[in-house]
């Protein structure tokens, strides 16, 4: 009975790790990203710094939550997942410059099969 309990716990942990690493959309649930300067994402401006990025689904809508490291500030931004022809080899951040502002257009994370378009 004791060994059965350990097997069940191990299976639960392995399942949780598999789900957390990549979901059916081909994207991982958590990333880190660093912005060297302030960045506009949608209607929000994020100050320069390191962020933990978490993915969230609400029905069919996909959101990214940007949480600044060493802060409790969280910014929620809706984005669109666009399939890539193959898994991304590198992290890519695409900006557009509007006046003196950098505006985030796309995020691509290494190993994922979709890009995040804002």
PDB file of N, CA and C in Angstrom:
ATOM      1  N   UNK A   1       0.820  -1.186   0.000  1.00  0.00           N
ATOM      2  CA  UNK A   1       0.000   0.000   0.000  1.00  0.00           C
ATOM      3  C   UNK A   1       0.870   1.259   0.000  1.00  0.00           C
ATOM      4  N   UNK A   2       1.958   1.219   0.721  1.00  0.00           N
ATOM      5  CA  UNK A   2       2.854   2.366   0.804  1.00  0.00           C
ATOM      6  C   UNK A   2       3.481   2.650  -0.565  1.00  0.00           C
ATOM      7  N   UNK A   3       3.906   1.605  -1.276  1.00  0.00           N
ATOM      8  CA  UNK A   3       4.522   1.814  -2.590  1.00  0.00           C
ATOM      9  C   UNK A   3       3.489   2.349  -3.584  1.00  0.00           C
ATOM     10  N   UNK A   4       2.230   1.927  -3.471  1.00  0.00           N
ATOM     11  CA  UNK A   4       1.179   2.447  -4.339  1.00  0.00           C
ATOM     12  C   UNK A   4       1.024   3.959  -4.136  1.00  0.00           C
ATOM     13  N   UNK A   5       1.083   4.395  -2.901  1.00  0.00           N
ATOM     14  CA  UNK A   5       0.968   5.817  -2.564  1.00  0.00           C
ATOM     15  C   UNK A   5       2.095   6.606  -3.230  1.00  0.00           C
ATOM     16  N   UNK A   6       3.321   6.082  -3.183  1.00  0.00           N
ATOM     17  CA  UNK A   6       4.456   6.764  -3.800  1.00  0.00           C
ATOM     18  C   UNK A   6       4.339   6.804  -5.321  1.00  0.00           C
ATOM     19  N   UNK A   7       3.824   5.751  -5.912  1.00  0.00           N
ATOM     20  CA  UNK A   7       3.630   5.718  -7.360  1.00  0.00           C
ATOM     21  C   UNK A   7       2.601   6.771  -7.777  1.00  0.00           C
ATOM     22  N   UNK A   8       1.517   6.885  -7.033  1.00  0.00           N
ATOM     23  CA  UNK A   8       0.486   7.877  -7.338  1.00  0.00           C
ATOM     24  C   UNK A   8       1.051   9.290  -7.208  1.00  0.00           C
ATOM     25  N   UNK A   9       1.801   9.547  -6.171  1.00  0.00           N
ATOM     26  CA  UNK A   9       2.411  10.869  -5.982  1.00  0.00           C
ATOM     27  C   UNK A   9       3.366  11.175  -7.132  1.00  0.00           C
ATOM     28  N   UNK A  10       4.178  10.202  -7.524  1.00  0.00           N
ATOM     29  CA  UNK A  10       5.123  10.394  -8.623  1.00  0.00           C
ATOM     30  C   UNK A  10       4.383  10.696  -9.926  1.00  0.00           C
ATOM     31  N   UNK A  11       3.325   9.970 -10.205  1.00  0.00           N
ATOM     32  CA  UNK A  11       2.541  10.214 -11.413  1.00  0.00           C
ATOM     33  C   UNK A  11       1.916  11.603 -11.411  1.00  0.00           C
ATOM     34  N   UNK A  12       1.434  12.041 -10.271  1.00  0.00           N
ATOM     35  CA  UNK A  12       0.866  13.392 -10.160  1.00  0.00           C
ATOM     36  C   UNK A  12       1.919  14.454 -10.431  1.00  0.00           C
ATOM     37  N   UNK A  13       3.098  14.276  -9.864  1.00  0.00           N
ATOM     38  CA  UNK A  13       4.176  15.243 -10.081  1.00  0.00           C
ATOM     39  C   UNK A  13       4.613  15.274 -11.534  1.00  0.00           C
ATOM     40  N   UNK A  14       4.746  14.121 -12.156  1.00  0.00           N
ATOM     41  CA  UNK A  14       5.136  14.067 -13.568  1.00  0.00           C
ATOM     42  C   UNK A  14       4.072  14.694 -14.460  1.00  0.00           C
ATOM     43  N   UNK A  15       2.815  14.461 -14.157  1.00  0.00           N
ATOM     44  CA  UNK A  15       1.720  15.058 -14.929  1.00  0.00           C
ATOM     45  C   UNK A  15       1.728  16.575 -14.797  1.00  0.00           C
ATOM     46  N   UNK A  16       1.910  17.051 -13.582  1.00  0.00           N
ATOM     47  CA  UNK A  16       1.945  18.501 -13.352  1.00  0.00           C
ATOM     48  C   UNK A  16       3.124  19.132 -14.083  1.00  0.00           C
ATOM     49  N   UNK A  17       4.271  18.479 -14.081  1.00  0.00           N
ATOM     50  CA  UNK A  17       5.443  19.008 -14.779  1.00  0.00           C
ATOM     51  C   UNK A  17       5.198  19.047 -16.279  1.00  0.00           C
ATOM     52  N   UNK A  18       4.568  18.040 -16.827  1.00  0.00           N
ATOM     53  CA  UNK A  18       4.293  18.004 -18.258  1.00  0.00           C
ATOM     54  C   UNK A  18       3.318  19.099 -18.653  1.00  0.00           C
ATOM     55  N   UNK A  19       2.285  19.302 -17.861  1.00  0.00           N
ATOM     56  CA  UNK A  19       1.294  20.340 -18.146  1.00  0.00           C
ATOM     57  C   UNK A  19       1.924  21.722 -18.012  1.00  0.00           C
ATOM     58  N   UNK A  20       2.747  21.926 -17.014  1.00  0.00           N
ATOM     59  CA  UNK A  20       3.367  23.228 -16.786  1.00  0.00           C
ATOM     60  C   UNK A  20       4.383  23.564 -17.848  1.00  0.00           C
ATOM     61  N   UNK A  21       5.051  22.567 -18.418  1.00  0.00           N
ATOM     62  CA  UNK A  21       6.106  22.854 -19.376  1.00  0.00           C
ATOM     63  C   UNK A  21       5.563  23.314 -20.718  1.00  0.00           C
ATOM     64  N   UNK A  22       4.501  22.704 -21.205  1.00  0.00           N
ATOM     65  CA  UNK A  22       3.943  23.102 -22.490  1.00  0.00           C
ATOM     66  C   UNK A  22       2.502  22.648 -22.561  1.00  0.00           C
ATOM     67  N   UNK A  23       1.634  23.523 -23.048  1.00  0.00           N
ATOM     68  CA  UNK A  23       0.232  23.148 -23.151  1.00  0.00           C
ATOM     69  C   UNK A  23      -0.107  22.767 -24.586  1.00  0.00           C
ATOM     70  N   UNK A  24      -1.369  22.495 -24.869  1.00  0.00           N
ATOM     71  CA  UNK A  24      -1.764  22.041 -26.193  1.00  0.00           C
ATOM     72  C   UNK A  24      -1.584  23.108 -27.266  1.00  0.00           C
ATOM     73  N   UNK A  25      -1.406  24.372 -26.874  1.00  0.00           N
ATOM     74  CA  UNK A  25      -1.190  25.443 -27.833  1.00  0.00           C
ATOM     75  C   UNK A  25       0.272  25.537 -28.265  1.00  0.00           C
ATOM     76  N   UNK A  26       1.124  24.728 -27.666  1.00  0.00           N
ATOM     77  CA  UNK A  26       2.536  24.748 -28.021  1.00  0.00           C
ATOM     78  C   UNK A  26       3.321  25.851 -27.339  1.00  0.00           C
ATOM     79  N   UNK A  27       2.791  26.384 -26.233  1.00  0.00           N
ATOM     80  CA  UNK A  27       3.487  27.441 -25.500  1.00  0.00           C
ATOM     81  C   UNK A  27       3.642  27.034 -24.041  1.00  0.00           C
ATOM     82  N   UNK A  28       4.760  27.406 -23.443  1.00  0.00           N
ATOM     83  CA  UNK A  28       4.973  27.145 -22.021  1.00  0.00           C
ATOM     84  C   UNK A  28       4.195  28.179 -21.205  1.00  0.00           C
ATOM     85  N   UNK A  29       3.895  27.811 -19.984  1.00  0.00           N
ATOM     86  CA  UNK A  29       3.070  28.664 -19.125  1.00  0.00           C
ATOM     87  C   UNK A  29       3.831  29.849 -18.535  1.00  0.00           C
ATOM     88  N   UNK A  30       5.140  29.702 -18.312  1.00  0.00           N
ATOM     89  CA  UNK A  30       5.910  30.753 -17.636  1.00  0.00           C
ATOM     90  C   UNK A  30       7.221  31.008 -18.386  1.00  0.00           C
ATOM     91  N   UNK A  31       7.552  32.289 -18.515  1.00  0.00           N
ATOM     92  CA  UNK A  31       8.814  32.727 -19.137  1.00  0.00           C
ATOM     93  C   UNK A  31       9.384  33.876 -18.336  1.00  0.00           C
ATOM     94  N   UNK A  32      10.594  34.238 -18.655  1.00  0.00           N
ATOM     95  CA  UNK A  32      11.191  35.471 -18.147  1.00  0.00           C
ATOM     96  C   UNK A  32      11.611  36.300 -19.345  1.00  0.00           C
ATOM     97  N   UNK A  33      11.425  37.608 -19.219  1.00  0.00           N
ATOM     98  CA  UNK A  33      11.826  38.525 -20.275  1.00  0.00           C
ATOM     99  C   UNK A  33      12.393  39.781 -19.614  1.00  0.00           C
ATOM    100  N   UNK A  34      13.372  40.387 -20.265  1.00  0.00           N
ATOM    101  CA  UNK A  34      13.997  41.612 -19.754  1.00  0.00           C
ATOM    102  C   UNK A  34      13.851  42.710 -20.801  1.00  0.00           C
ATOM    103  N   UNK A  35      13.399  43.869 -20.357  1.00  0.00           N
ATOM    104  CA  UNK A  35      13.316  45.039 -21.226  1.00  0.00           C
ATOM    105  C   UNK A  35      14.358  46.044 -20.754  1.00  0.00           C
ATOM    106  N   UNK A  36      15.234  46.468 -21.667  1.00  0.00           N
ATOM    107  CA  UNK A  36      16.307  47.413 -21.332  1.00  0.00           C
ATOM    108  C   UNK A  36      15.772  48.829 -21.141  1.00  0.00           C
ATOM    109  N   UNK A  37      14.663  49.139 -21.799  1.00  0.00           N
ATOM    110  CA  UNK A  37      14.029  50.450 -21.666  1.00  0.00           C
ATOM    111  C   UNK A  37      12.537  50.227 -21.423  1.00  0.00           C
ATOM    112  N   UNK A  38      11.827  51.288 -21.104  1.00  0.00           N
ATOM    113  CA  UNK A  38      10.378  51.142 -20.918  1.00  0.00           C
ATOM    114  C   UNK A  38       9.736  50.737 -22.244  1.00  0.00           C
ATOM    115  N   UNK A  39       8.648  49.977 -22.135  1.00  0.00           N
ATOM    116  CA  UNK A  39       7.998  49.395 -23.301  1.00  0.00           C
ATOM    117  C   UNK A  39       6.492  49.561 -23.170  1.00  0.00           C
ATOM    118  N   UNK A  40       5.859  49.963 -24.259  1.00  0.00           N
ATOM    119  CA  UNK A  40       4.392  50.016 -24.287  1.00  0.00           C
ATOM    120  C   UNK A  40       3.888  48.682 -24.822  1.00  0.00           C
ATOM    121  N   UNK A  41       2.924  48.108 -24.083  1.00  0.00           N
ATOM    122  CA  UNK A  41       2.257  46.887 -24.530  1.00  0.00           C
ATOM    123  C   UNK A  41       0.768  47.179 -24.440  1.00  0.00           C
ATOM    124  N   UNK A  42       0.133  47.321 -25.576  1.00  0.00           N
ATOM    125  CA  UNK A  42      -1.275  47.713 -25.588  1.00  0.00           C
ATOM    126  C   UNK A  42      -1.417  49.108 -25.019  1.00  0.00           C
ATOM    127  N   UNK A  43      -2.221  49.255 -23.979  1.00  0.00           N
ATOM    128  CA  UNK A  43      -2.418  50.575 -23.363  1.00  0.00           C
ATOM    129  C   UNK A  43      -1.522  50.782 -22.146  1.00  0.00           C
ATOM    130  N   UNK A  44      -0.677  49.792 -21.847  1.00  0.00           N
ATOM    131  CA  UNK A  44       0.163  49.840 -20.646  1.00  0.00           C
ATOM    132  C   UNK A  44       1.616  50.141 -21.004  1.00  0.00           C
ATOM    133  N   UNK A  45       2.286  50.856 -20.109  1.00  0.00           N
ATOM    134  CA  UNK A  45       3.721  51.096 -20.259  1.00  0.00           C
ATOM    135  C   UNK A  45       4.424  50.380 -19.114  1.00  0.00           C
ATOM    136  N   UNK A  46       5.332  49.474 -19.483  1.00  0.00           N
ATOM    137  CA  UNK A  46       6.108  48.749 -18.481  1.00  0.00           C
ATOM    138  C   UNK A  46       7.472  49.408 -18.345  1.00  0.00           C
ATOM    139  N   UNK A  47       7.919  49.687 -17.132  1.00  0.00           N
ATOM    140  CA  UNK A  47       9.255  50.243 -16.949  1.00  0.00           C
ATOM    141  C   UNK A  47      10.316  49.199 -17.291  1.00  0.00           C
ATOM    142  N   UNK A  48      11.497  49.664 -17.593  1.00  0.00           N
ATOM    143  CA  UNK A  48      12.614  48.754 -17.867  1.00  0.00           C
ATOM    144  C   UNK A  48      12.789  47.807 -16.688  1.00  0.00           C
ATOM    145  N   UNK A  49      13.179  46.573 -16.974  1.00  0.00           N
ATOM    146  CA  UNK A  49      13.410  45.614 -15.910  1.00  0.00           C
ATOM    147  C   UNK A  49      13.147  44.194 -16.349  1.00  0.00           C
ATOM    148  N   UNK A  50      13.249  43.282 -15.378  1.00  0.00           N
ATOM    149  CA  UNK A  50      13.013  41.865 -15.621  1.00  0.00           C
ATOM    150  C   UNK A  50      11.586  41.519 -15.225  1.00  0.00           C
ATOM    151  N   UNK A  51      10.962  40.669 -16.034  1.00  0.00           N
ATOM    152  CA  UNK A  51       9.578  40.285 -15.801  1.00  0.00           C
ATOM    153  C   UNK A  51       9.402  38.777 -15.904  1.00  0.00           C
ATOM    154  N   UNK A  52       8.511  38.260 -15.069  1.00  0.00           N
ATOM    155  CA  UNK A  52       8.027  36.896 -15.223  1.00  0.00           C
ATOM    156  C   UNK A  52       6.752  37.032 -16.045  1.00  0.00           C
ATOM    157  N   UNK A  53       6.661  36.253 -17.118  1.00  0.00           N
ATOM    158  CA  UNK A  53       5.502  36.305 -17.998  1.00  0.00           C
ATOM    159  C   UNK A  53       4.735  34.998 -17.856  1.00  0.00           C
ATOM    160  N   UNK A  54       3.468  35.110 -17.507  1.00  0.00           N
ATOM    161  CA  UNK A  54       2.614  33.925 -17.356  1.00  0.00           C
ATOM    162  C   UNK A  54       1.506  33.989 -18.406  1.00  0.00           C
ATOM    163  N   UNK A  55       1.180  32.847 -18.953  1.00  0.00           N
ATOM    164  CA  UNK A  55       0.111  32.770 -19.939  1.00  0.00           C
ATOM    165  C   UNK A  55      -1.184  32.382 -19.256  1.00  0.00           C
ATOM    166  N   UNK A  56      -2.258  32.946 -19.729  1.00  0.00           N
ATOM    167  CA  UNK A  56      -3.565  32.687 -19.141  1.00  0.00           C
ATOM    168  C   UNK A  56      -4.608  32.627 -20.254  1.00  0.00           C
ATOM    169  N   UNK A  57      -5.507  31.678 -20.143  1.00  0.00           N
ATOM    170  CA  UNK A  57      -6.609  31.575 -21.092  1.00  0.00           C
ATOM    171  C   UNK A  57      -7.903  31.901 -20.354  1.00  0.00           C
ATOM    172  N   UNK A  58      -8.744  32.686 -20.988  1.00  0.00           N
ATOM    173  CA  UNK A  58     -10.089  32.968 -20.493  1.00  0.00           C
ATOM    174  C   UNK A  58     -11.027  32.673 -21.644  1.00  0.00           C
ATOM    175  N   UNK A  59     -11.608  31.495 -21.628  1.00  0.00           N
ATOM    176  CA  UNK A  59     -12.399  31.053 -22.774  1.00  0.00           C
ATOM    177  C   UNK A  59     -11.464  30.859 -23.955  1.00  0.00           C
ATOM    178  N   UNK A  60     -11.743  31.533 -25.047  1.00  0.00           N
ATOM    179  CA  UNK A  60     -10.889  31.453 -26.239  1.00  0.00           C
ATOM    180  C   UNK A  60      -9.835  32.560 -26.266  1.00  0.00           C
ATOM    181  N   UNK A  61      -9.885  33.469 -25.292  1.00  0.00           N
ATOM    182  CA  UNK A  61      -8.948  34.606 -25.268  1.00  0.00           C
ATOM    183  C   UNK A  61      -7.661  34.248 -24.544  1.00  0.00           C
ATOM    184  N   UNK A  62      -6.550  34.677 -25.118  1.00  0.00           N
ATOM    185  CA  UNK A  62      -5.231  34.424 -24.555  1.00  0.00           C
ATOM    186  C   UNK A  62      -4.681  35.723 -23.985  1.00  0.00           C
ATOM    187  N   UNK A  63      -4.172  35.646 -22.754  1.00  0.00           N
ATOM    188  CA  UNK A  63      -3.598  36.820 -22.096  1.00  0.00           C
ATOM    189  C   UNK A  63      -2.191  36.505 -21.629  1.00  0.00           C
ATOM    190  N   UNK A  64      -1.379  37.541 -21.525  1.00  0.00           N
ATOM    191  CA  UNK A  64      -0.065  37.424 -20.915  1.00  0.00           C
ATOM    192  C   UNK A  64      -0.034  38.352 -19.718  1.00  0.00           C
ATOM    193  N   UNK A  65       0.426  37.823 -18.595  1.00  0.00           N
ATOM    194  CA  UNK A  65       0.547  38.597 -17.362  1.00  0.00           C
ATOM    195  C   UNK A  65       2.021  38.895 -17.143  1.00  0.00           C
ATOM    196  N   UNK A  66       2.381  40.164 -17.149  1.00  0.00           N
ATOM    197  CA  UNK A  66       3.751  40.606 -16.947  1.00  0.00           C
ATOM    198  C   UNK A  66       3.900  41.045 -15.497  1.00  0.00           C
ATOM    199  N   UNK A  67       4.688  40.304 -14.725  1.00  0.00           N
ATOM    200  CA  UNK A  67       4.922  40.628 -13.315  1.00  0.00           C
ATOM    201  C   UNK A  67       6.384  41.021 -13.157  1.00  0.00           C
ATOM    202  N   UNK A  68       6.590  42.266 -12.765  1.00  0.00           N
ATOM    203  CA  UNK A  68       7.959  42.752 -12.592  1.00  0.00           C
ATOM    204  C   UNK A  68       8.601  42.048 -11.407  1.00  0.00           C
ATOM    205  N   UNK A  69       9.812  41.526 -11.631  1.00  0.00           N
ATOM    206  CA  UNK A  69      10.535  40.823 -10.564  1.00  0.00           C
ATOM    207  C   UNK A  69      10.858  41.818  -9.458  1.00  0.00           C
ATOM    208  N   UNK A  70      10.704  41.400  -8.215  1.00  0.00           N
ATOM    209  CA  UNK A  70      10.915  42.213  -7.012  1.00  0.00           C
ATOM    210  C   UNK A  70       9.850  43.301  -6.871  1.00  0.00           C
ATOM    211  N   UNK A  71       8.678  43.055  -7.458  1.00  0.00           N
ATOM    212  CA  UNK A  71       7.574  43.997  -7.361  1.00  0.00           C
ATOM    213  C   UNK A  71       6.279  43.201  -7.375  1.00  0.00           C
ATOM    214  N   UNK A  72       5.231  43.790  -6.929  1.00  0.00           N
ATOM    215  CA  UNK A  72       3.930  43.124  -6.956  1.00  0.00           C
ATOM    216  C   UNK A  72       3.091  43.607  -8.138  1.00  0.00           C
ATOM    217  N   UNK A  73       3.670  44.488  -8.966  1.00  0.00           N
ATOM    218  CA  UNK A  73       2.945  45.030 -10.105  1.00  0.00           C
ATOM    219  C   UNK A  73       2.758  43.965 -11.178  1.00  0.00           C
ATOM    220  N   UNK A  74       1.512  43.783 -11.632  1.00  0.00           N
ATOM    221  CA  UNK A  74       1.183  42.838 -12.687  1.00  0.00           C
ATOM    222  C   UNK A  74       0.353  43.561 -13.737  1.00  0.00           C
ATOM    223  N   UNK A  75       0.749  43.388 -14.997  1.00  0.00           N
ATOM    224  CA  UNK A  75       0.013  43.977 -16.103  1.00  0.00           C
ATOM    225  C   UNK A  75      -0.521  42.834 -16.966  1.00  0.00           C
ATOM    226  N   UNK A  76      -1.821  42.877 -17.237  1.00  0.00           N
ATOM    227  CA  UNK A  76      -2.482  41.838 -18.039  1.00  0.00           C
ATOM    228  C   UNK A  76      -2.742  42.402 -19.432  1.00  0.00           C
ATOM    229  N   UNK A  77      -2.254  41.670 -20.458  1.00  0.00           N
ATOM    230  CA  UNK A  77      -2.375  42.137 -21.834  1.00  0.00           C
ATOM    231  C   UNK A  77      -2.929  41.011 -22.702  1.00  0.00           C
ATOM    232  N   UNK A  78      -3.941  41.322 -23.488  1.00  0.00           N
ATOM    233  CA  UNK A  78      -4.494  40.332 -24.417  1.00  0.00           C
ATOM    234  C   UNK A  78      -3.560  40.212 -25.617  1.00  0.00           C
ATOM    235  N   UNK A  79      -3.387  38.988 -26.089  1.00  0.00           N
ATOM    236  CA  UNK A  79      -2.571  38.794 -27.277  1.00  0.00           C
ATOM    237  C   UNK A  79      -3.168  37.696 -28.139  1.00  0.00           C
ATOM    238  N   UNK A  80      -2.631  37.563 -29.323  1.00  0.00           N
ATOM    239  CA  UNK A  80      -3.078  36.549 -30.271  1.00  0.00           C
ATOM    240  C   UNK A  80      -1.945  35.566 -30.498  1.00  0.00           C
ATOM    241  N   UNK A  81      -2.258  34.289 -30.463  1.00  0.00           N
ATOM    242  CA  UNK A  81      -1.269  33.262 -30.776  1.00  0.00           C
ATOM    243  C   UNK A  81      -1.303  33.003 -32.276  1.00  0.00           C
ATOM    244  N   UNK A  82      -0.133  33.108 -32.915  1.00  0.00           N
ATOM    245  CA  UNK A  82      -0.010  32.856 -34.350  1.00  0.00           C
ATOM    246  C   UNK A  82       0.935  31.677 -34.521  1.00  0.00           C
ATOM    247  N   UNK A  83       0.465  30.590 -35.149  1.00  0.00           N
ATOM    248  CA  UNK A  83       1.320  29.414 -35.313  1.00  0.00           C
ATOM    249  C   UNK A  83       2.583  29.732 -36.111  1.00  0.00           C
ATOM    250  N   UNK A  84       3.678  29.114 -35.712  1.00  0.00           N
ATOM    251  CA  UNK A  84       4.948  29.219 -36.434  1.00  0.00           C
ATOM    252  C   UNK A  84       5.104  27.974 -37.314  1.00  0.00           C
ATOM    253  N   UNK A  85       5.853  28.092 -38.418  1.00  0.00           N
ATOM    254  CA  UNK A  85       6.034  26.926 -39.284  1.00  0.00           C
ATOM    255  C   UNK A  85       6.809  25.792 -38.620  1.00  0.00           C
ATOM    256  N   UNK A  86       7.666  26.137 -37.647  1.00  0.00           N
ATOM    257  CA  UNK A  86       8.413  25.134 -36.885  1.00  0.00           C
ATOM    258  C   UNK A  86       8.729  25.725 -35.524  1.00  0.00           C
ATOM    259  N   UNK A  87       9.221  24.899 -34.603  1.00  0.00           N
ATOM    260  CA  UNK A  87       9.570  25.391 -33.266  1.00  0.00           C
ATOM    261  C   UNK A  87      10.605  26.504 -33.372  1.00  0.00           C
ATOM    262  N   UNK A  88      10.413  27.539 -32.585  1.00  0.00           N
ATOM    263  CA  UNK A  88      11.344  28.670 -32.578  1.00  0.00           C
ATOM    264  C   UNK A  88      12.690  28.231 -32.012  1.00  0.00           C
ATOM    265  N   UNK A  89      13.754  28.653 -32.670  1.00  0.00           N
ATOM    266  CA  UNK A  89      15.097  28.308 -32.210  1.00  0.00           C
ATOM    267  C   UNK A  89      15.618  29.263 -31.150  1.00  0.00           C
ATOM    268  N   UNK A  90      15.183  30.514 -31.207  1.00  0.00           N
ATOM    269  CA  UNK A  90      15.676  31.548 -30.293  1.00  0.00           C
ATOM    270  C   UNK A  90      14.517  32.382 -29.773  1.00  0.00           C
ATOM    271  N   UNK A  91      14.771  33.099 -28.679  1.00  0.00           N
ATOM    272  CA  UNK A  91      13.826  34.098 -28.193  1.00  0.00           C
ATOM    273  C   UNK A  91      13.937  35.315 -29.106  1.00  0.00           C
ATOM    274  N   UNK A  92      12.797  35.886 -29.494  1.00  0.00           N
ATOM    275  CA  UNK A  92      12.778  37.066 -30.360  1.00  0.00           C
ATOM    276  C   UNK A  92      11.763  38.049 -29.806  1.00  0.00           C
ATOM    277  N   UNK A  93      12.163  39.314 -29.713  1.00  0.00           N
ATOM    278  CA  UNK A  93      11.268  40.382 -29.286  1.00  0.00           C
ATOM    279  C   UNK A  93      11.211  41.393 -30.422  1.00  0.00           C
ATOM    280  N   UNK A  94      10.012  41.691 -30.921  1.00  0.00           N
ATOM    281  CA  UNK A  94       9.839  42.613 -32.040  1.00  0.00           C
ATOM    282  C   UNK A  94       9.153  43.875 -31.524  1.00  0.00           C
ATOM    283  N   UNK A  95       9.807  45.006 -31.763  1.00  0.00           N
ATOM    284  CA  UNK A  95       9.284  46.301 -31.345  1.00  0.00           C
ATOM    285  C   UNK A  95       9.014  47.166 -32.559  1.00  0.00           C
ATOM    286  N   UNK A  96       8.142  48.149 -32.373  1.00  0.00           N
ATOM    287  CA  UNK A  96       7.948  49.224 -33.329  1.00  0.00           C
ATOM    288  C   UNK A  96       8.226  50.498 -32.540  1.00  0.00           C
ATOM    289  N   UNK A  97       8.830  51.472 -33.164  1.00  0.00           N
ATOM    290  CA  UNK A  97       9.091  52.731 -32.481  1.00  0.00           C
ATOM    291  C   UNK A  97       8.035  53.742 -32.885  1.00  0.00           C
ATOM    292  N   UNK A  98       7.391  54.337 -31.892  1.00  0.00           N
ATOM    293  CA  UNK A  98       6.375  55.366 -32.113  1.00  0.00           C
ATOM    294  C   UNK A  98       6.795  56.587 -31.312  1.00  0.00           C
ATOM    295  N   UNK A  99       7.348  57.568 -31.994  1.00  0.00           N
ATOM    296  CA  UNK A  99       7.893  58.735 -31.295  1.00  0.00           C
ATOM    297  C   UNK A  99       9.108  58.307 -30.497  1.00  0.00           C
ATOM    298  N   UNK A 100       9.090  58.550 -29.206  1.00  0.00           N
ATOM    299  CA  UNK A 100      10.192  58.134 -28.329  1.00  0.00           C
ATOM    300  C   UNK A 100       9.897  56.818 -27.632  1.00  0.00           C
ATOM    301  N   UNK A 101       8.791  56.153 -28.006  1.00  0.00           N
ATOM    302  CA  UNK A 101       8.351  54.956 -27.306  1.00  0.00           C
ATOM    303  C   UNK A 101       8.628  53.698 -28.108  1.00  0.00           C
ATOM    304  N   UNK A 102       9.025  52.642 -27.377  1.00  0.00           N
ATOM    305  CA  UNK A 102       9.109  51.313 -27.971  1.00  0.00           C
ATOM    306  C   UNK A 102       7.775  50.634 -27.718  1.00  0.00           C
ATOM    307  N   UNK A 103       7.173  50.091 -28.764  1.00  0.00           N
ATOM    308  CA  UNK A 103       5.882  49.411 -28.652  1.00  0.00           C
ATOM    309  C   UNK A 103       6.104  47.945 -28.990  1.00  0.00           C
ATOM    310  N   UNK A 104       5.794  47.062 -28.043  1.00  0.00           N
ATOM    311  CA  UNK A 104       5.977  45.638 -28.257  1.00  0.00           C
ATOM    312  C   UNK A 104       4.955  45.131 -29.264  1.00  0.00           C
ATOM    313  N   UNK A 105       5.441  44.466 -30.313  1.00  0.00           N
ATOM    314  CA  UNK A 105       4.572  43.907 -31.348  1.00  0.00           C
ATOM    315  C   UNK A 105       4.430  42.396 -31.228  1.00  0.00           C
ATOM    316  N   UNK A 106       5.583  41.713 -30.984  1.00  0.00           N
ATOM    317  CA  UNK A 106       5.585  40.252 -30.937  1.00  0.00           C
ATOM    318  C   UNK A 106       6.596  39.748 -29.927  1.00  0.00           C
ATOM    319  N   UNK A 107       6.292  38.604 -29.334  1.00  0.00           N
ATOM    320  CA  UNK A 107       7.237  37.850 -28.510  1.00  0.00           C
ATOM    321  C   UNK A 107       7.266  36.418 -29.031  1.00  0.00           C
ATOM    322  N   UNK A 108       8.458  35.911 -29.252  1.00  0.00           N
ATOM    323  CA  UNK A 108       8.646  34.519 -29.647  1.00  0.00           C
ATOM    324  C   UNK A 108       9.609  33.914 -28.639  1.00  0.00           C
ATOM    325  N   UNK A 109       9.233  32.777 -28.081  1.00  0.00           N
ATOM    326  CA  UNK A 109      10.076  32.108 -27.096  1.00  0.00           C
ATOM    327  C   UNK A 109      10.632  30.818 -27.679  1.00  0.00           C
ATOM    328  N   UNK A 110      11.901  30.597 -27.440  1.00  0.00           N
ATOM    329  CA  UNK A 110      12.602  29.411 -27.926  1.00  0.00           C
ATOM    330  C   UNK A 110      11.839  28.133 -27.586  1.00  0.00           C
ATOM    331  N   UNK A 111      11.714  27.246 -28.572  1.00  0.00           N
ATOM    332  CA  UNK A 111      11.071  25.955 -28.352  1.00  0.00           C
ATOM    333  C   UNK A 111       9.563  25.952 -28.510  1.00  0.00           C
ATOM    334  N   UNK A 112       8.953  27.125 -28.680  1.00  0.00           N
ATOM    335  CA  UNK A 112       7.504  27.185 -28.828  1.00  0.00           C
ATOM    336  C   UNK A 112       7.105  27.105 -30.295  1.00  0.00           C
ATOM    337  N   UNK A 113       5.855  26.733 -30.540  1.00  0.00           N
ATOM    338  CA  UNK A 113       5.350  26.578 -31.903  1.00  0.00           C
ATOM    339  C   UNK A 113       4.372  27.696 -32.296  1.00  0.00           C
ATOM    340  N   UNK A 114       4.272  28.727 -31.462  1.00  0.00           N
ATOM    341  CA  UNK A 114       3.409  29.873 -31.763  1.00  0.00           C
ATOM    342  C   UNK A 114       4.084  31.130 -31.246  1.00  0.00           C
ATOM    343  N   UNK A 115       3.803  32.258 -31.934  1.00  0.00           N
ATOM    344  CA  UNK A 115       4.302  33.544 -31.448  1.00  0.00           C
ATOM    345  C   UNK A 115       3.144  34.322 -30.853  1.00  0.00           C
ATOM    346  N   UNK A 116       3.466  35.269 -29.992  1.00  0.00           N
ATOM    347  CA  UNK A 116       2.485  36.097 -29.296  1.00  0.00           C
ATOM    348  C   UNK A 116       2.478  37.476 -29.954  1.00  0.00           C
ATOM    349  N   UNK A 117       1.362  37.841 -30.538  1.00  0.00           N
ATOM    350  CA  UNK A 117       1.242  39.106 -31.262  1.00  0.00           C
ATOM    351  C   UNK A 117       0.316  40.029 -30.478  1.00  0.00           C
ATOM    352  N   UNK A 118       0.777  41.274 -30.275  1.00  0.00           N
ATOM    353  CA  UNK A 118       0.013  42.259 -29.495  1.00  0.00           C
ATOM    354  C   UNK A 118      -0.614  43.300 -30.386  1.00  0.00           C
TER     355      UNK A 118
END
